[in-house]
Structures are given as structure tokens and as C-alpha cells.
Amino acid sequence: MHIDITPEVIVTQLDLGHGEATLEQTKTAINNTKDFDKFSKHIISLNDKLKHMQGYIALSNSAPYFKIKCDNIESDEILKEFIDELNHWSDKYDVELKKVDNKDVYYILGKN
């Protein structure tokens, strides 16, 4: 079965909230993410994989991108697992991530 990954699907599947402002911010992030359509369906599965690590994909308030964040800052082991999963995902789908200085937050920039 083929599912079109629309802004509405992203908002719902990533549980980003509701409202027109969220939908518009999602559209902006999609438009700023190079070749988003080529890996969009894999964003949802990544988000699911990160949940047990207290990781998730959200919209950035400071940049026009999706961000990936881990809220579990107390366990070095879980943080390592989180980073390893991100590296594996970005390598597998050839997606460029940008780490935010001094934080365990990454922006999804798009295809390399």
C-alpha cells in the first residue's frame, strides 16, 4: 500500500499538534528540506524507533527545518544509542543532518 506523505500526515504521525500555524510551519520545513519526498516516509519510522530513547522528530522554532531531539540526557548509553540510530538512518537514506552546537539536537537538511 502506498501512502502519500502530506503535511497533514506528517503533523498527525509525528503528533506535532493541531492548527493552521503548525500546518504552515510543517509546509515550510518540507519546502526547506532538500528532496523531502525521496525519504519522507522514513521520517515516521525513525520517529517510532526513537521513542523508547525519549527521542522524537519535531518542528524547530529557530530554524525552518524538522529537528531530531533526545530528551534523555541522564543516560550516556541511551544517548549513544540515539546518535548511532541517527547515523545509521542518515547513512541508509543518504540524508544530511546538522548538529546544533552544544546540544543533542539535529536538523534534517535533506538528501546529500
Protein backbone atom coordinates (compact mmCIF):
# COMPACT_ATOMS: atom_id res chain seq x y z
CA MET A 1 0.00 0.00 0.00
CA HIS A 2 1.30 3.46 -0.94
CA ILE A 3 0.72 6.36 1.42
CA ASP A 4 1.23 9.93 0.28
CA ILE A 5 3.22 11.80 2.89
CA THR A 6 1.41 15.13 3.02
CA PRO A 7 1.93 17.88 5.57
CA GLU A 8 -1.26 16.69 7.29
CA VAL A 9 0.10 13.14 7.53
CA ILE A 10 3.39 14.41 8.99
CA VAL A 11 1.60 16.55 11.58
CA THR A 12 -0.59 13.63 12.62
CA GLN A 13 2.04 10.87 12.60
CA LEU A 14 4.64 12.93 14.46
CA ASP A 15 1.98 14.28 16.85
CA LEU A 16 3.07 17.86 16.23
CA GLY A 17 -0.16 19.42 17.43
CA HIS A 18 -3.08 20.97 15.66
CA GLY A 19 -3.90 24.20 13.96
CA GLU A 20 -3.16 26.17 10.87
CA ALA A 21 0.11 27.60 12.23
CA THR A 22 1.52 24.10 12.78
CA LEU A 23 0.45 23.03 9.32
CA GLU A 24 2.09 26.10 7.77
CA GLN A 25 5.29 25.52 9.75
CA THR A 26 5.29 21.90 8.55
CA LYS A 27 4.90 23.02 4.93
CA THR A 28 7.82 25.44 5.38
CA ALA A 29 10.02 22.68 6.84
CA ILE A 30 9.11 20.35 3.96
CA ASN A 31 9.89 23.04 1.38
CA ASN A 32 13.26 23.78 3.04
CA THR A 33 14.28 20.11 3.19
CA LYS A 34 16.08 19.07 0.01
CA ASP A 35 14.29 16.24 -1.81
CA PHE A 36 11.99 15.64 1.15
CA ASP A 37 9.70 13.43 -0.93
CA LYS A 38 12.53 10.93 -1.52
CA PHE A 39 12.81 9.96 2.15
CA SER A 40 9.69 11.38 3.81
CA LYS A 41 8.10 8.04 4.65
CA HIS A 42 11.23 7.06 6.56
CA ILE A 43 10.89 10.04 8.92
CA ILE A 44 7.83 8.46 10.50
CA SER A 45 9.58 5.13 11.07
CA LEU A 46 12.63 6.93 12.54
CA ASN A 47 10.38 8.77 14.95
CA ASP A 48 8.89 5.45 16.07
CA LYS A 49 12.38 3.96 16.61
CA LEU A 50 13.47 6.92 18.73
CA LYS A 51 10.52 6.90 21.13
CA HIS A 52 11.94 4.33 23.55
CA MET A 53 15.05 6.54 23.87
CA GLN A 54 12.91 9.61 24.64
CA GLY A 55 13.82 10.85 21.18
CA TYR A 56 11.49 12.39 18.63
CA ILE A 57 11.15 14.49 15.50
CA ALA A 58 9.57 17.90 15.85
CA LEU A 59 9.46 21.29 14.19
CA SER A 60 12.23 23.71 15.06
CA ASN A 61 11.21 27.11 16.39
CA SER A 62 14.57 28.64 15.49
CA ALA A 63 15.19 27.22 12.00
CA PRO A 64 12.88 26.26 9.10
CA TYR A 65 13.57 22.53 9.46
CA PHE A 66 12.47 19.41 11.24
CA LYS A 67 14.61 18.70 14.26
CA ILE A 68 15.51 15.44 15.93
CA LYS A 69 15.97 15.61 19.66
CA CYS A 70 16.66 13.30 22.59
CA ASP A 71 15.27 14.34 25.97
CA ASN A 72 17.06 11.54 27.84
CA ILE A 73 20.17 13.41 28.95
CA GLU A 74 20.85 11.30 32.04
CA SER A 75 21.94 8.11 30.32
CA ASP A 76 25.11 8.13 28.23
CA GLU A 77 24.18 4.66 26.96
CA ILE A 78 20.81 5.80 25.62
CA LEU A 79 22.32 8.96 24.15
CA LYS A 80 24.89 6.81 22.32
CA GLU A 81 22.12 4.53 21.04
CA PHE A 82 20.21 7.63 19.87
CA ILE A 83 23.21 9.01 17.98
CA ASP A 84 24.02 5.60 16.49
CA GLU A 85 20.42 5.27 15.25
CA LEU A 86 20.56 8.75 13.68
CA ASN A 87 23.84 7.98 11.95
CA HIS A 88 22.52 4.66 10.67
CA TRP A 89 19.31 6.29 9.38
CA SER A 90 21.09 9.21 7.70
CA ASP A 91 23.63 6.88 6.05
CA LYS A 92 20.97 4.43 4.89
CA TYR A 93 18.77 7.09 3.27
CA ASP A 94 21.61 9.49 2.35
CA VAL A 95 20.12 12.30 4.43
CA GLU A 96 22.20 15.22 5.68
CA LEU A 97 21.81 16.11 9.34
CA LYS A 98 23.22 19.20 11.02
CA LYS A 99 24.04 19.05 14.73
CA VAL A 100 23.17 22.11 16.78
CA ASP A 101 26.21 23.38 18.70
CA ASN A 102 26.39 22.17 22.30
CA LYS A 103 23.07 20.29 22.12
CA ASP A 104 21.87 16.81 21.20
CA VAL A 105 19.61 18.29 18.55
CA TYR A 106 19.91 17.68 14.82
CA TYR A 107 18.26 19.39 11.87
CA ILE A 108 17.14 17.34 8.87
CA LEU A 109 18.55 19.28 5.91
CA GLY A 110 17.65 16.81 3.15
CA LYS A 111 19.30 14.49 0.68
CA ASN A 112 23.06 14.72 0.27
